[in-house]
PDB file of all heavy atoms in Angstrom:
ATOM      1  N   GLU A   1     -47.935 121.107  48.386  1.00  0.00           N
ATOM      2  CA  GLU A   1     -46.808 121.999  48.122  1.00  0.00           C
ATOM      3  C   GLU A   1     -46.167 122.403  49.406  1.00  0.00           C
ATOM      4  O   GLU A   1     -46.719 122.523  50.441  1.00  0.00           O
ATOM      5  CB  GLU A   1     -47.359 123.223  47.367  1.00  0.00           C
ATOM      6  CG  GLU A   1     -47.926 122.958  45.984  1.00  0.00           C
ATOM      7  CD  GLU A   1     -46.832 122.693  45.011  1.00  0.00           C
ATOM      8  OE1 GLU A   1     -45.659 122.973  45.287  1.00  0.00           O
ATOM      9  OE2 GLU A   1     -47.147 122.230  43.892  1.00  0.00           O
ATOM     10  N   ALA A   2     -44.804 122.601  49.347  1.00  0.00           N
ATOM     11  CA  ALA A   2     -44.105 123.019  50.472  1.00  0.00           C
ATOM     12  C   ALA A   2     -44.656 124.347  51.005  1.00  0.00           C
ATOM     13  O   ALA A   2     -44.663 125.309  50.224  1.00  0.00           O
ATOM     14  CB  ALA A   2     -42.566 123.132  50.138  1.00  0.00           C
ATOM     15  N   ALA A   3     -45.035 124.472  52.238  1.00  0.00           N
ATOM     16  CA  ALA A   3     -45.591 125.678  52.740  1.00  0.00           C
ATOM     17  C   ALA A   3     -45.528 125.538  54.327  1.00  0.00           C
ATOM     18  O   ALA A   3     -45.316 124.490  54.886  1.00  0.00           O
ATOM     19  CB  ALA A   3     -47.057 125.810  52.352  1.00  0.00           C
ATOM     20  N   PRO A   4     -45.744 126.792  54.925  1.00  0.00           N
ATOM     21  CA  PRO A   4     -45.729 126.814  56.475  1.00  0.00           C
ATOM     22  C   PRO A   4     -47.016 126.007  56.940  1.00  0.00           C
ATOM     23  O   PRO A   4     -47.962 125.802  56.181  1.00  0.00           O
ATOM     24  CB  PRO A   4     -45.832 128.251  56.814  1.00  0.00           C
ATOM     25  CG  PRO A   4     -45.387 128.984  55.610  1.00  0.00           C
ATOM     26  CD  PRO A   4     -45.746 128.112  54.405  1.00  0.00           C
ATOM     27  N   VAL A   5     -46.929 125.495  58.133  1.00  0.00           N
ATOM     28  CA  VAL A   5     -47.985 124.757  58.787  1.00  0.00           C
ATOM     29  C   VAL A   5     -48.913 125.759  59.500  1.00  0.00           C
ATOM     30  O   VAL A   5     -48.612 126.886  59.781  1.00  0.00           O
ATOM     31  CB  VAL A   5     -47.451 123.610  59.649  1.00  0.00           C
ATOM     32  CG1 VAL A   5     -46.704 122.659  58.915  1.00  0.00           C
ATOM     33  CG2 VAL A   5     -46.657 124.253  60.838  1.00  0.00           C
ATOM     34  N   MET A   6     -50.166 125.222  59.811  1.00  0.00           N
ATOM     35  CA  MET A   6     -51.126 125.953  60.549  1.00  0.00           C
ATOM     36  C   MET A   6     -50.570 126.341  62.000  1.00  0.00           C
ATOM     37  O   MET A   6     -49.650 125.667  62.494  1.00  0.00           O
ATOM     38  CB  MET A   6     -52.468 125.225  60.693  1.00  0.00           C
ATOM     39  CG  MET A   6     -52.275 123.992  61.481  1.00  0.00           C
ATOM     40  SD  MET A   6     -53.982 123.206  61.668  1.00  0.00           S
ATOM     41  CE  MET A   6     -54.262 122.769  60.009  1.00  0.00           C
ATOM     42  N   PRO A   7     -51.118 127.390  62.591  1.00  0.00           N
ATOM     43  CA  PRO A   7     -50.541 127.839  63.912  1.00  0.00           C
ATOM     44  C   PRO A   7     -50.501 126.683  64.993  1.00  0.00           C
ATOM     45  O   PRO A   7     -49.653 126.645  65.765  1.00  0.00           O
ATOM     46  CB  PRO A   7     -51.518 128.976  64.327  1.00  0.00           C
ATOM     47  CG  PRO A   7     -51.988 129.523  63.056  1.00  0.00           C
ATOM     48  CD  PRO A   7     -52.050 128.410  61.983  1.00  0.00           C
ATOM     49  N   ALA A   8     -51.559 125.838  64.817  1.00  0.00           N
ATOM     50  CA  ALA A   8     -51.640 124.873  65.990  1.00  0.00           C
ATOM     51  C   ALA A   8     -50.472 123.843  65.828  1.00  0.00           C
ATOM     52  O   ALA A   8     -50.109 123.150  66.856  1.00  0.00           O
ATOM     53  CB  ALA A   8     -52.955 124.075  65.807  1.00  0.00           C
ATOM     54  N   LEU A   9     -49.875 123.697  64.647  1.00  0.00           N
ATOM     55  CA  LEU A   9     -48.803 122.742  64.517  1.00  0.00           C
ATOM     56  C   LEU A   9     -47.470 123.335  64.677  1.00  0.00           C
ATOM     57  O   LEU A   9     -46.416 122.666  64.565  1.00  0.00           O
ATOM     58  CB  LEU A   9     -48.878 122.243  62.983  1.00  0.00           C
ATOM     59  CG  LEU A   9     -50.132 121.413  62.640  1.00  0.00           C
ATOM     60  CD1 LEU A   9     -50.071 120.945  61.221  1.00  0.00           C
ATOM     61  CD2 LEU A   9     -50.359 120.268  63.598  1.00  0.00           C
ATOM     62  N   ARG A  10     -47.374 124.757  64.880  1.00  0.00           N
ATOM     63  CA  ARG A  10     -46.080 125.322  65.150  1.00  0.00           C
ATOM     64  C   ARG A  10     -45.694 125.182  66.558  1.00  0.00           C
ATOM     65  O   ARG A  10     -45.748 126.113  67.435  1.00  0.00           O
ATOM     66  CB  ARG A  10     -46.166 126.836  64.843  1.00  0.00           C
ATOM     67  CG  ARG A  10     -46.473 127.053  63.293  1.00  0.00           C
ATOM     68  CD  ARG A  10     -46.718 128.514  63.023  1.00  0.00           C
ATOM     69  NE  ARG A  10     -47.090 128.674  61.645  1.00  0.00           N
ATOM     70  CZ  ARG A  10     -47.636 129.855  61.162  1.00  0.00           C
ATOM     71  NH1 ARG A  10     -47.790 130.925  61.964  1.00  0.00           N
ATOM     72  NH2 ARG A  10     -48.010 129.897  59.971  1.00  0.00           N
ATOM     73  N   SER A  11     -45.383 123.989  66.970  1.00  0.00           N
ATOM     74  CA  SER A  11     -45.049 123.638  68.378  1.00  0.00           C
ATOM     75  C   SER A  11     -43.890 122.636  68.373  1.00  0.00           C
ATOM     76  O   SER A  11     -43.777 121.853  67.392  1.00  0.00           O
ATOM     77  CB  SER A  11     -46.321 123.082  69.036  1.00  0.00           C
ATOM     78  OG  SER A  11     -45.953 122.521  70.323  1.00  0.00           O
ATOM     79  N   TYR A  12     -43.209 122.617  69.489  1.00  0.00           N
ATOM     80  CA  TYR A  12     -42.119 121.559  69.593  1.00  0.00           C
ATOM     81  C   TYR A  12     -42.748 120.215  69.682  1.00  0.00           C
ATOM     82  O   TYR A  12     -42.053 119.205  69.489  1.00  0.00           O
ATOM     83  CB  TYR A  12     -41.311 121.900  70.871  1.00  0.00           C
ATOM     84  CG  TYR A  12     -42.112 121.908  72.153  1.00  0.00           C
ATOM     85  CD1 TYR A  12     -42.271 120.730  72.937  1.00  0.00           C
ATOM     86  CD2 TYR A  12     -42.591 123.031  72.682  1.00  0.00           C
ATOM     87  CE1 TYR A  12     -42.920 120.734  74.095  1.00  0.00           C
ATOM     88  CE2 TYR A  12     -43.260 123.097  73.857  1.00  0.00           C
ATOM     89  CZ  TYR A  12     -43.404 121.924  74.558  1.00  0.00           C
ATOM     90  OH  TYR A  12     -44.126 121.931  75.755  1.00  0.00           O
ATOM     91  N   TRP A  13     -44.031 120.110  70.000  1.00  0.00           N
ATOM     92  CA  TRP A  13     -44.646 118.785  70.023  1.00  0.00           C
ATOM     93  C   TRP A  13     -44.638 118.138  68.615  1.00  0.00           C
ATOM     94  O   TRP A  13     -44.836 116.942  68.474  1.00  0.00           O
ATOM     95  CB  TRP A  13     -46.186 118.830  70.579  1.00  0.00           C
ATOM     96  CG  TRP A  13     -46.210 119.152  72.050  1.00  0.00           C
ATOM     97  CD1 TRP A  13     -46.609 120.272  72.613  1.00  0.00           C
ATOM     98  CD2 TRP A  13     -45.781 118.277  73.051  1.00  0.00           C
ATOM     99  NE1 TRP A  13     -46.588 120.162  74.009  1.00  0.00           N
ATOM    100  CE2 TRP A  13     -46.082 118.937  74.295  1.00  0.00           C
ATOM    101  CE3 TRP A  13     -45.336 116.929  73.078  1.00  0.00           C
ATOM    102  CZ2 TRP A  13     -45.737 118.365  75.551  1.00  0.00           C
ATOM    103  CZ3 TRP A  13     -44.963 116.415  74.295  1.00  0.00           C
ATOM    104  CH2 TRP A  13     -45.271 117.089  75.584  1.00  0.00           C
ATOM    105  N   LEU A  14     -44.610 118.950  67.583  1.00  0.00           N
ATOM    106  CA  LEU A  14     -44.503 118.408  66.208  1.00  0.00           C
ATOM    107  C   LEU A  14     -43.277 117.614  66.183  1.00  0.00           C
ATOM    108  O   LEU A  14     -43.288 116.476  65.497  1.00  0.00           O
ATOM    109  CB  LEU A  14     -44.495 119.500  65.283  1.00  0.00           C
ATOM    110  CG  LEU A  14     -44.377 119.098  63.750  1.00  0.00           C
ATOM    111  CD1 LEU A  14     -45.657 118.413  63.315  1.00  0.00           C
ATOM    112  CD2 LEU A  14     -44.081 120.235  62.875  1.00  0.00           C
ATOM    113  N   ALA A  15     -42.223 117.969  66.693  1.00  0.00           N
ATOM    114  CA  ALA A  15     -40.956 117.172  66.667  1.00  0.00           C
ATOM    115  C   ALA A  15     -41.022 115.968  67.589  1.00  0.00           C
ATOM    116  O   ALA A  15     -40.592 114.959  67.208  1.00  0.00           O
ATOM    117  CB  ALA A  15     -39.791 118.074  67.072  1.00  0.00           C
ATOM    118  N   VAL A  16     -41.650 116.185  68.664  1.00  0.00           N
ATOM    119  CA  VAL A  16     -41.654 115.102  69.671  1.00  0.00           C
ATOM    120  C   VAL A  16     -42.729 114.023  69.342  1.00  0.00           C
ATOM    121  O   VAL A  16     -42.335 112.772  69.174  1.00  0.00           O
ATOM    122  CB  VAL A  16     -41.980 115.603  71.130  1.00  0.00           C
ATOM    123  CG1 VAL A  16     -42.089 114.489  72.121  1.00  0.00           C
ATOM    124  CG2 VAL A  16     -40.888 116.586  71.559  1.00  0.00           C
ATOM    125  N   HIS A  17     -43.911 114.423  69.103  1.00  0.00           N
ATOM    126  CA  HIS A  17     -44.943 113.460  68.946  1.00  0.00           C
ATOM    127  C   HIS A  17     -44.935 112.794  67.571  1.00  0.00           C
ATOM    128  O   HIS A  17     -44.889 111.564  67.426  1.00  0.00           O
ATOM    129  CB  HIS A  17     -46.360 114.129  69.022  1.00  0.00           C
ATOM    130  CG  HIS A  17     -47.462 113.435  68.423  1.00  0.00           C
ATOM    131  ND1 HIS A  17     -47.928 112.118  68.984  1.00  0.00           N
ATOM    132  CD2 HIS A  17     -48.330 113.615  67.371  1.00  0.00           C
ATOM    133  CE1 HIS A  17     -48.964 111.754  68.251  1.00  0.00           C
ATOM    134  NE2 HIS A  17     -49.227 112.589  67.296  1.00  0.00           N
ATOM    135  N   VAL A  18     -44.728 113.594  66.484  1.00  0.00           N
ATOM    136  CA  VAL A  18     -44.781 113.070  65.121  1.00  0.00           C
ATOM    137  C   VAL A  18     -43.553 112.230  64.792  1.00  0.00           C
ATOM    138  O   VAL A  18     -43.558 111.258  64.136  1.00  0.00           O
ATOM    139  CB  VAL A  18     -44.984 114.168  64.119  1.00  0.00           C
ATOM    140  CG1 VAL A  18     -45.121 113.500  62.662  1.00  0.00           C
ATOM    141  CG2 VAL A  18     -46.235 115.024  64.412  1.00  0.00           C
ATOM    142  N   SER A  19     -42.390 112.608  65.455  1.00  0.00           N
ATOM    143  CA  SER A  19     -41.234 111.897  65.240  1.00  0.00           C
ATOM    144  C   SER A  19     -41.330 110.470  65.912  1.00  0.00           C
ATOM    145  O   SER A  19     -40.947 109.513  65.268  1.00  0.00           O
ATOM    146  CB  SER A  19     -39.997 112.624  65.925  1.00  0.00           C
ATOM    147  OG  SER A  19     -39.741 113.780  65.288  1.00  0.00           O
ATOM    148  N   ALA A  20     -41.855 110.487  67.060  1.00  0.00           N
ATOM    149  CA  ALA A  20     -42.093 109.138  67.717  1.00  0.00           C
ATOM    150  C   ALA A  20     -43.093 108.260  66.894  1.00  0.00           C
ATOM    151  O   ALA A  20     -42.867 107.075  66.699  1.00  0.00           O
ATOM    152  CB  ALA A  20     -42.588 109.344  69.129  1.00  0.00           C
ATOM    153  N   ALA A  21     -44.091 108.902  66.404  1.00  0.00           N
ATOM    154  CA  ALA A  21     -45.096 108.178  65.626  1.00  0.00           C
ATOM    155  C   ALA A  21     -44.447 107.653  64.281  1.00  0.00           C
ATOM    156  O   ALA A  21     -44.802 106.526  63.811  1.00  0.00           O
ATOM    157  CB  ALA A  21     -46.281 109.018  65.225  1.00  0.00           C
ATOM    158  N   THR A  22     -43.534 108.533  63.657  1.00  0.00           N
ATOM    159  CA  THR A  22     -42.913 108.055  62.419  1.00  0.00           C
ATOM    160  C   THR A  22     -41.994 106.910  62.635  1.00  0.00           C
ATOM    161  O   THR A  22     -42.001 106.027  61.903  1.00  0.00           O
ATOM    162  CB  THR A  22     -42.145 109.287  61.847  1.00  0.00           C
ATOM    163  OG1 THR A  22     -43.086 110.342  61.614  1.00  0.00           O
ATOM    164  CG2 THR A  22     -41.411 108.915  60.566  1.00  0.00           C
ATOM    165  N   ILE A  23     -41.221 107.034  63.727  1.00  0.00           N
ATOM    166  CA  ILE A  23     -40.254 105.848  63.951  1.00  0.00           C
ATOM    167  C   ILE A  23     -41.017 104.601  64.299  1.00  0.00           C
ATOM    168  O   ILE A  23     -40.625 103.523  63.709  1.00  0.00           O
ATOM    169  CB  ILE A  23     -39.298 106.265  65.163  1.00  0.00           C
ATOM    170  CG1 ILE A  23     -38.499 107.437  64.758  1.00  0.00           C
ATOM    171  CG2 ILE A  23     -38.465 105.120  65.622  1.00  0.00           C
ATOM    172  CD1 ILE A  23     -37.582 108.042  65.960  1.00  0.00           C
ATOM    173  N   ALA A  24     -42.055 104.733  65.144  1.00  0.00           N
ATOM    174  CA  ALA A  24     -42.748 103.456  65.437  1.00  0.00           C
ATOM    175  C   ALA A  24     -43.464 102.891  64.204  1.00  0.00           C
ATOM    176  O   ALA A  24     -43.542 101.656  64.049  1.00  0.00           O
ATOM    177  CB  ALA A  24     -43.772 103.822  66.590  1.00  0.00           C
ATOM    178  N   SER A  25     -44.103 103.764  63.386  1.00  0.00           N
ATOM    179  CA  SER A  25     -44.805 103.247  62.252  1.00  0.00           C
ATOM    180  C   SER A  25     -43.877 102.581  61.235  1.00  0.00           C
ATOM    181  O   SER A  25     -44.304 101.566  60.640  1.00  0.00           O
ATOM    182  CB  SER A  25     -45.546 104.403  61.577  1.00  0.00           C
ATOM    183  OG  SER A  25     -46.421 105.069  62.452  1.00  0.00           O
ATOM    184  N   GLY A  26     -42.692 103.113  61.052  1.00  0.00           N
ATOM    185  CA  GLY A  26     -41.792 102.504  60.094  1.00  0.00           C
ATOM    186  C   GLY A  26     -41.312 101.104  60.643  1.00  0.00           C
ATOM    187  O   GLY A  26     -41.287 100.198  59.849  1.00  0.00           O
ATOM    188  N   LEU A  27     -41.077 100.993  61.916  1.00  0.00           N
ATOM    189  CA  LEU A  27     -40.696  99.704  62.483  1.00  0.00           C
ATOM    190  C   LEU A  27     -41.797  98.700  62.388  1.00  0.00           C
ATOM    191  O   LEU A  27     -41.567  97.614  62.010  1.00  0.00           O
ATOM    192  CB  LEU A  27     -40.228  99.917  63.916  1.00  0.00           C
ATOM    193  CG  LEU A  27     -38.915 100.581  64.211  1.00  0.00           C
ATOM    194  CD1 LEU A  27     -38.781 100.969  65.631  1.00  0.00           C
ATOM    195  CD2 LEU A  27     -37.767  99.769  63.767  1.00  0.00           C
ATOM    196  N   LEU A  28     -43.051  99.164  62.703  1.00  0.00           N
ATOM    197  CA  LEU A  28     -44.140  98.313  62.684  1.00  0.00           C
ATOM    198  C   LEU A  28     -44.522  97.860  61.244  1.00  0.00           C
ATOM    199  O   LEU A  28     -45.097  96.736  61.055  1.00  0.00           O
ATOM    200  CB  LEU A  28     -45.364  98.923  63.267  1.00  0.00           C
ATOM    201  CG  LEU A  28     -45.360  99.138  64.777  1.00  0.00           C
ATOM    202  CD1 LEU A  28     -46.487 100.033  65.315  1.00  0.00           C
ATOM    203  CD2 LEU A  28     -45.308  97.846  65.525  1.00  0.00           C
TER     204      LEU A  28
END
């Protein structure tokens, strides 16, 4: 269900790291 994430995930690294992983995984 749509909900806020845990405190450890409330970081700009969520946008940087997971975005890069998502783009690379889709291409791969």
